[in-house]
Amino acid sequence: MNRVQIKICGITRVEDAKACTELGADMIGLNFYPQSSRYIQPQRARQIVEGIPRSIHAVGVFVDPAASEVRAIAKITGIECVQLHGDVPPDTCRELAREFRVIRAFSTGSQFQPNLSRSFDELEVLIGERQDRDLGKINLLRARERQQQIERTFITGNVDDQRRFAFGQLSGPAGLK
């Protein structure tokens, strides 16, 4: 079994990125969704990317982006991995996957249907909470259903003692966000 990877998202300062790497994170998330309170300007993100070791993956987080937007921000920042939320179609994901490591994100909210994520089997998939803040038993069961379908699945959520046991019930997710 591969080691679980850790990604810490919402990084907005170089010193926080460095602290994440010192604490063992494999990836940091840089949010390029302007409506987010954790949004970061691409020029600032570049400073963060340049301030971390190359072994740490800086992941650009996007919501409903056009492929051209992803490319433009990647050019400025130097990111090589993108995490796509929202209604990004499979063709756009495949197009971007020719240039970037792509993680396609799905919410386990009430509308989550694991079978829809099969259109993205060649990509890494992130299953997590978006609107409801409680990654409860039902959501973990949905996450387990999808996670068992492919190996490259990330599970997201705040990992506290209660959830640590629940995550352990999943058979080896690729990573925790």
C-alpha atoms as a PDB file:
ATOM      1  CA  MET A   1       0.000   0.000   0.000  1.00  0.00           C
ATOM      2  CA  ASN A   2       1.264   3.471  -0.868  1.00  0.00           C
ATOM      3  CA  ARG A   3       1.780   6.083   1.806  1.00  0.00           C
ATOM      4  CA  VAL A   4      -1.140   8.486   2.213  1.00  0.00           C
ATOM      5  CA  GLN A   5      -0.272  11.939   0.898  1.00  0.00           C
ATOM      6  CA  ILE A   6      -1.197  15.080   2.821  1.00  0.00           C
ATOM      7  CA  LYS A   7      -2.375  18.287   1.143  1.00  0.00           C
ATOM      8  CA  ILE A   8      -2.953  21.482   3.107  1.00  0.00           C
ATOM      9  CA  CYS A   9      -5.159  23.927   1.259  1.00  0.00           C
ATOM     10  CA  GLY A  10      -5.835  27.634   1.481  1.00  0.00           C
ATOM     11  CA  ILE A  11      -2.227  28.742   1.772  1.00  0.00           C
ATOM     12  CA  THR A  12      -1.803  32.501   1.312  1.00  0.00           C
ATOM     13  CA  ARG A  13       1.596  33.222   2.890  1.00  0.00           C
ATOM     14  CA  VAL A  14       5.116  31.985   2.165  1.00  0.00           C
ATOM     15  CA  GLU A  15       5.813  31.330   5.853  1.00  0.00           C
ATOM     16  CA  ASP A  16       2.692  29.135   6.115  1.00  0.00           C
ATOM     17  CA  ALA A  17       3.762  27.148   3.043  1.00  0.00           C
ATOM     18  CA  LYS A  18       7.192  26.591   4.550  1.00  0.00           C
ATOM     19  CA  ALA A  19       5.632  25.489   7.858  1.00  0.00           C
ATOM     20  CA  CYS A  20       3.434  22.984   5.967  1.00  0.00           C
ATOM     21  CA  THR A  21       6.471  21.469   4.285  1.00  0.00           C
ATOM     22  CA  GLU A  22       8.344  21.262   7.585  1.00  0.00           C
ATOM     23  CA  LEU A  23       5.360  19.449   9.097  1.00  0.00           C
ATOM     24  CA  GLY A  24       5.403  16.844   6.322  1.00  0.00           C
ATOM     25  CA  ALA A  25       2.814  18.019   3.794  1.00  0.00           C
ATOM     26  CA  ASP A  26       3.257  16.601   0.310  1.00  0.00           C
ATOM     27  CA  MET A  27       1.133  19.268  -1.355  1.00  0.00           C
ATOM     28  CA  ILE A  28      -0.130  22.762  -0.658  1.00  0.00           C
ATOM     29  CA  GLY A  29      -3.263  24.253  -2.163  1.00  0.00           C
ATOM     30  CA  LEU A  30      -3.404  27.750  -3.661  1.00  0.00           C
ATOM     31  CA  ASN A  31      -6.963  28.960  -4.187  1.00  0.00           C
ATOM     32  CA  PHE A  32      -7.652  30.852  -7.406  1.00  0.00           C
ATOM     33  CA  TYR A  33     -11.424  31.133  -6.923  1.00  0.00           C
ATOM     34  CA  PRO A  34     -12.027  34.899  -6.504  1.00  0.00           C
ATOM     35  CA  GLN A  35     -15.132  34.441  -4.306  1.00  0.00           C
ATOM     36  CA  SER A  36     -13.160  32.460  -1.723  1.00  0.00           C
ATOM     37  CA  SER A  37     -11.870  34.084   1.455  1.00  0.00           C
ATOM     38  CA  ARG A  38      -8.627  32.181   0.750  1.00  0.00           C
ATOM     39  CA  TYR A  39      -8.227  33.547  -2.778  1.00  0.00           C
ATOM     40  CA  ILE A  40      -4.658  34.414  -3.666  1.00  0.00           C
ATOM     41  CA  GLN A  41      -3.380  36.639  -6.452  1.00  0.00           C
ATOM     42  CA  PRO A  42      -1.278  34.686  -8.982  1.00  0.00           C
ATOM     43  CA  GLN A  43       1.782  36.912  -8.446  1.00  0.00           C
ATOM     44  CA  ARG A  44       1.657  36.222  -4.698  1.00  0.00           C
ATOM     45  CA  ALA A  45       1.203  32.512  -5.380  1.00  0.00           C
ATOM     46  CA  ARG A  46       4.365  32.548  -7.488  1.00  0.00           C
ATOM     47  CA  GLN A  47       6.323  33.769  -4.456  1.00  0.00           C
ATOM     48  CA  ILE A  48       4.962  30.817  -2.471  1.00  0.00           C
ATOM     49  CA  VAL A  49       5.762  28.295  -5.216  1.00  0.00           C
ATOM     50  CA  GLU A  50       9.301  29.653  -5.446  1.00  0.00           C
ATOM     51  CA  GLY A  51       9.657  29.470  -1.643  1.00  0.00           C
ATOM     52  CA  ILE A  52       8.962  25.733  -1.251  1.00  0.00           C
ATOM     53  CA  PRO A  53      11.090  22.717  -2.207  1.00  0.00           C
ATOM     54  CA  ARG A  54      10.449  21.254  -5.682  1.00  0.00           C
ATOM     55  CA  SER A  55       9.472  17.975  -4.000  1.00  0.00           C
ATOM     56  CA  ILE A  56       6.346  19.666  -2.615  1.00  0.00           C
ATOM     57  CA  HIS A  57       3.527  19.994  -5.135  1.00  0.00           C
ATOM     58  CA  ALA A  58       1.793  23.366  -5.314  1.00  0.00           C
ATOM     59  CA  VAL A  59      -1.789  22.682  -6.400  1.00  0.00           C
ATOM     60  CA  GLY A  60      -3.867  25.392  -8.045  1.00  0.00           C
ATOM     61  CA  VAL A  61      -7.481  25.166  -6.876  1.00  0.00           C
ATOM     62  CA  PHE A  62     -10.075  26.349  -9.412  1.00  0.00           C
ATOM     63  CA  VAL A  63     -13.886  26.441  -9.612  1.00  0.00           C
ATOM     64  CA  ASP A  64     -15.496  26.151 -13.062  1.00  0.00           C
ATOM     65  CA  PRO A  65     -12.420  27.457 -14.875  1.00  0.00           C
ATOM     66  CA  ALA A  66     -11.869  27.733 -18.586  1.00  0.00           C
ATOM     67  CA  ALA A  67      -8.769  25.825 -19.707  1.00  0.00           C
ATOM     68  CA  SER A  68      -7.248  29.139 -20.830  1.00  0.00           C
ATOM     69  CA  GLU A  69      -7.627  30.570 -17.296  1.00  0.00           C
ATOM     70  CA  VAL A  70      -5.833  27.570 -15.791  1.00  0.00           C
ATOM     71  CA  ARG A  71      -3.005  27.863 -18.311  1.00  0.00           C
ATOM     72  CA  ALA A  72      -2.618  31.622 -17.772  1.00  0.00           C
ATOM     73  CA  ILE A  73      -2.422  31.270 -13.987  1.00  0.00           C
ATOM     74  CA  ALA A  74      -0.083  28.273 -14.247  1.00  0.00           C
ATOM     75  CA  LYS A  75       2.233  30.300 -16.477  1.00  0.00           C
ATOM     76  CA  ILE A  76       2.409  33.097 -13.897  1.00  0.00           C
ATOM     77  CA  THR A  77       2.690  30.873 -10.823  1.00  0.00           C
ATOM     78  CA  GLY A  78       4.643  27.850 -11.961  1.00  0.00           C
ATOM     79  CA  ILE A  79       2.061  25.337 -10.675  1.00  0.00           C
ATOM     80  CA  GLU A  80       2.103  21.918 -12.312  1.00  0.00           C
ATOM     81  CA  CYS A  81      -0.940  20.420 -10.585  1.00  0.00           C
ATOM     82  CA  VAL A  82      -4.538  21.661 -10.694  1.00  0.00           C
ATOM     83  CA  GLN A  83      -7.599  20.750  -8.642  1.00  0.00           C
ATOM     84  CA  LEU A  84     -10.861  21.370 -10.497  1.00  0.00           C
ATOM     85  CA  HIS A  85     -14.176  21.937  -8.709  1.00  0.00           C
ATOM     86  CA  GLY A  86     -17.625  22.628 -10.105  1.00  0.00           C
ATOM     87  CA  ASP A  87     -19.021  21.584 -13.455  1.00  0.00           C
ATOM     88  CA  VAL A  88     -15.784  21.124 -15.374  1.00  0.00           C
ATOM     89  CA  PRO A  89     -16.553  18.698 -18.227  1.00  0.00           C
ATOM     90  CA  PRO A  90     -14.466  15.559 -18.798  1.00  0.00           C
ATOM     91  CA  ASP A  91     -13.092  16.893 -22.101  1.00  0.00           C
ATOM     92  CA  THR A  92     -11.673  19.991 -20.412  1.00  0.00           C
ATOM     93  CA  CYS A  93     -10.105  17.832 -17.696  1.00  0.00           C
ATOM     94  CA  ARG A  94      -8.530  15.520 -20.277  1.00  0.00           C
ATOM     95  CA  GLU A  95      -7.228  18.509 -22.229  1.00  0.00           C
ATOM     96  CA  LEU A  96      -5.596  19.951 -19.111  1.00  0.00           C
ATOM     97  CA  ALA A  97      -4.251  16.526 -18.124  1.00  0.00           C
ATOM     98  CA  ARG A  98      -1.957  16.677 -21.156  1.00  0.00           C
ATOM     99  CA  GLU A  99      -0.133  19.560 -19.444  1.00  0.00           C
ATOM    100  CA  PHE A 100      -0.815  19.212 -15.712  1.00  0.00           C
ATOM    101  CA  ARG A 101      -1.443  16.687 -12.994  1.00  0.00           C
ATOM    102  CA  VAL A 102      -5.231  17.012 -12.638  1.00  0.00           C
ATOM    103  CA  ILE A 103      -7.294  16.278  -9.544  1.00  0.00           C
ATOM    104  CA  ARG A 104     -11.040  16.418 -10.289  1.00  0.00           C
ATOM    105  CA  ALA A 105     -13.033  17.300  -7.158  1.00  0.00           C
ATOM    106  CA  PHE A 106     -16.535  16.089  -6.301  1.00  0.00           C
ATOM    107  CA  SER A 107     -18.711  17.074  -3.361  1.00  0.00           C
ATOM    108  CA  THR A 108     -20.390  14.380  -1.256  1.00  0.00           C
ATOM    109  CA  GLY A 109     -23.414  16.582  -0.674  1.00  0.00           C
ATOM    110  CA  SER A 110     -26.942  15.317  -1.193  1.00  0.00           C
ATOM    111  CA  GLN A 111     -26.531  15.474  -4.997  1.00  0.00           C
ATOM    112  CA  PHE A 112     -23.370  13.322  -5.062  1.00  0.00           C
ATOM    113  CA  GLN A 113     -23.562  10.350  -7.429  1.00  0.00           C
ATOM    114  CA  PRO A 114     -20.335   8.309  -7.426  1.00  0.00           C
ATOM    115  CA  ASN A 115     -21.064   6.843 -10.857  1.00  0.00           C
ATOM    116  CA  LEU A 116     -20.772  10.311 -12.465  1.00  0.00           C
ATOM    117  CA  SER A 117     -17.115  10.434 -11.505  1.00  0.00           C
ATOM    118  CA  ARG A 118     -16.413   7.440 -13.769  1.00  0.00           C
ATOM    119  CA  SER A 119     -16.068   9.881 -16.667  1.00  0.00           C
ATOM    120  CA  PHE A 120     -12.815  10.959 -15.011  1.00  0.00           C
ATOM    121  CA  ASP A 121     -11.224   7.551 -14.380  1.00  0.00           C
ATOM    122  CA  GLU A 122      -7.878   8.519 -15.934  1.00  0.00           C
ATOM    123  CA  LEU A 123      -7.561  11.420 -13.462  1.00  0.00           C
ATOM    124  CA  GLU A 124      -7.059  11.613  -9.734  1.00  0.00           C
ATOM    125  CA  VAL A 125     -10.343  12.238  -7.955  1.00  0.00           C
ATOM    126  CA  LEU A 126     -10.973  14.183  -4.760  1.00  0.00           C
ATOM    127  CA  ILE A 127     -14.133  13.343  -2.852  1.00  0.00           C
ATOM    128  CA  GLY A 128     -15.116  15.742  -0.139  1.00  0.00           C
ATOM    129  CA  GLU A 129     -17.427  18.110   1.531  1.00  0.00           C
ATOM    130  CA  ARG A 130     -18.290  21.416  -0.022  1.00  0.00           C
ATOM    131  CA  GLN A 131     -21.421  22.818   1.541  1.00  0.00           C
ATOM    132  CA  ASP A 132     -22.122  20.649   4.545  1.00  0.00           C
ATOM    133  CA  ARG A 133     -19.309  20.866   7.056  1.00  0.00           C
ATOM    134  CA  ASP A 134     -20.038  17.449   8.603  1.00  0.00           C
ATOM    135  CA  LEU A 135     -18.379  14.591   6.772  1.00  0.00           C
ATOM    136  CA  GLY A 136     -20.729  12.134   8.420  1.00  0.00           C
ATOM    137  CA  LYS A 137     -21.368   8.435   7.989  1.00  0.00           C
ATOM    138  CA  ILE A 138     -23.467   8.817   4.842  1.00  0.00           C
ATOM    139  CA  ASN A 139     -20.810  10.906   3.129  1.00  0.00           C
ATOM    140  CA  LEU A 140     -18.059   8.492   4.141  1.00  0.00           C
ATOM    141  CA  LEU A 141     -20.086   5.630   2.695  1.00  0.00           C
ATOM    142  CA  ARG A 142     -20.418   7.575  -0.552  1.00  0.00           C
ATOM    143  CA  ALA A 143     -16.716   8.329  -0.489  1.00  0.00           C
ATOM    144  CA  ARG A 144     -15.958   4.648   0.113  1.00  0.00           C
ATOM    145  CA  GLU A 145     -18.158   3.626  -2.820  1.00  0.00           C
ATOM    146  CA  ARG A 146     -16.218   5.896  -5.191  1.00  0.00           C
ATOM    147  CA  GLN A 147     -12.841   5.227  -3.629  1.00  0.00           C
ATOM    148  CA  GLN A 148     -13.221   1.495  -4.226  1.00  0.00           C
ATOM    149  CA  GLN A 149     -13.673   2.142  -7.946  1.00  0.00           C
ATOM    150  CA  ILE A 150     -10.224   3.649  -8.585  1.00  0.00           C
ATOM    151  CA  GLU A 151      -6.987   3.856  -6.642  1.00  0.00           C
ATOM    152  CA  ARG A 152      -6.208   7.544  -7.228  1.00  0.00           C
ATOM    153  CA  THR A 153      -8.823   8.933  -4.839  1.00  0.00           C
ATOM    154  CA  PHE A 154      -8.305  11.689  -2.291  1.00  0.00           C
ATOM    155  CA  ILE A 155     -10.644  12.106   0.676  1.00  0.00           C
ATOM    156  CA  THR A 156     -11.116  15.600   2.029  1.00  0.00           C
ATOM    157  CA  GLY A 157     -12.258  17.054   5.310  1.00  0.00           C
ATOM    158  CA  ASN A 158     -10.938  18.234   8.621  1.00  0.00           C
ATOM    159  CA  VAL A 159      -9.294  15.217  10.207  1.00  0.00           C
ATOM    160  CA  ASP A 160     -10.050  15.113  13.917  1.00  0.00           C
ATOM    161  CA  ASP A 161      -9.976  12.088  16.249  1.00  0.00           C
ATOM    162  CA  GLN A 162     -13.526  11.032  15.356  1.00  0.00           C
ATOM    163  CA  ARG A 163     -12.874  11.194  11.624  1.00  0.00           C
ATOM    164  CA  ARG A 164      -9.423   9.604  11.873  1.00  0.00           C
ATOM    165  CA  PHE A 165     -11.120   6.265  12.650  1.00  0.00           C
ATOM    166  CA  ALA A 166     -13.651   6.726   9.849  1.00  0.00           C
ATOM    167  CA  PHE A 167     -10.928   7.537   7.310  1.00  0.00           C
ATOM    168  CA  GLY A 168      -9.080   4.443   8.470  1.00  0.00           C
ATOM    169  CA  GLN A 169     -12.084   2.387   7.392  1.00  0.00           C
ATOM    170  CA  LEU A 170     -11.454   3.426   3.795  1.00  0.00           C
ATOM    171  CA  SER A 171      -9.089   1.098   2.013  1.00  0.00           C
ATOM    172  CA  GLY A 172      -6.050   3.242   1.438  1.00  0.00           C
ATOM    173  CA  PRO A 173      -7.058   6.582  -0.061  1.00  0.00           C
ATOM    174  CA  ALA A 174      -4.270   8.183  -2.070  1.00  0.00           C
ATOM    175  CA  GLY A 175      -4.377  11.233   0.111  1.00  0.00           C
ATOM    176  CA  LEU A 176      -6.104  13.405   2.656  1.00  0.00           C
ATOM    177  CA  LYS A 177      -6.779  17.042   2.022  1.00  0.00           C
END
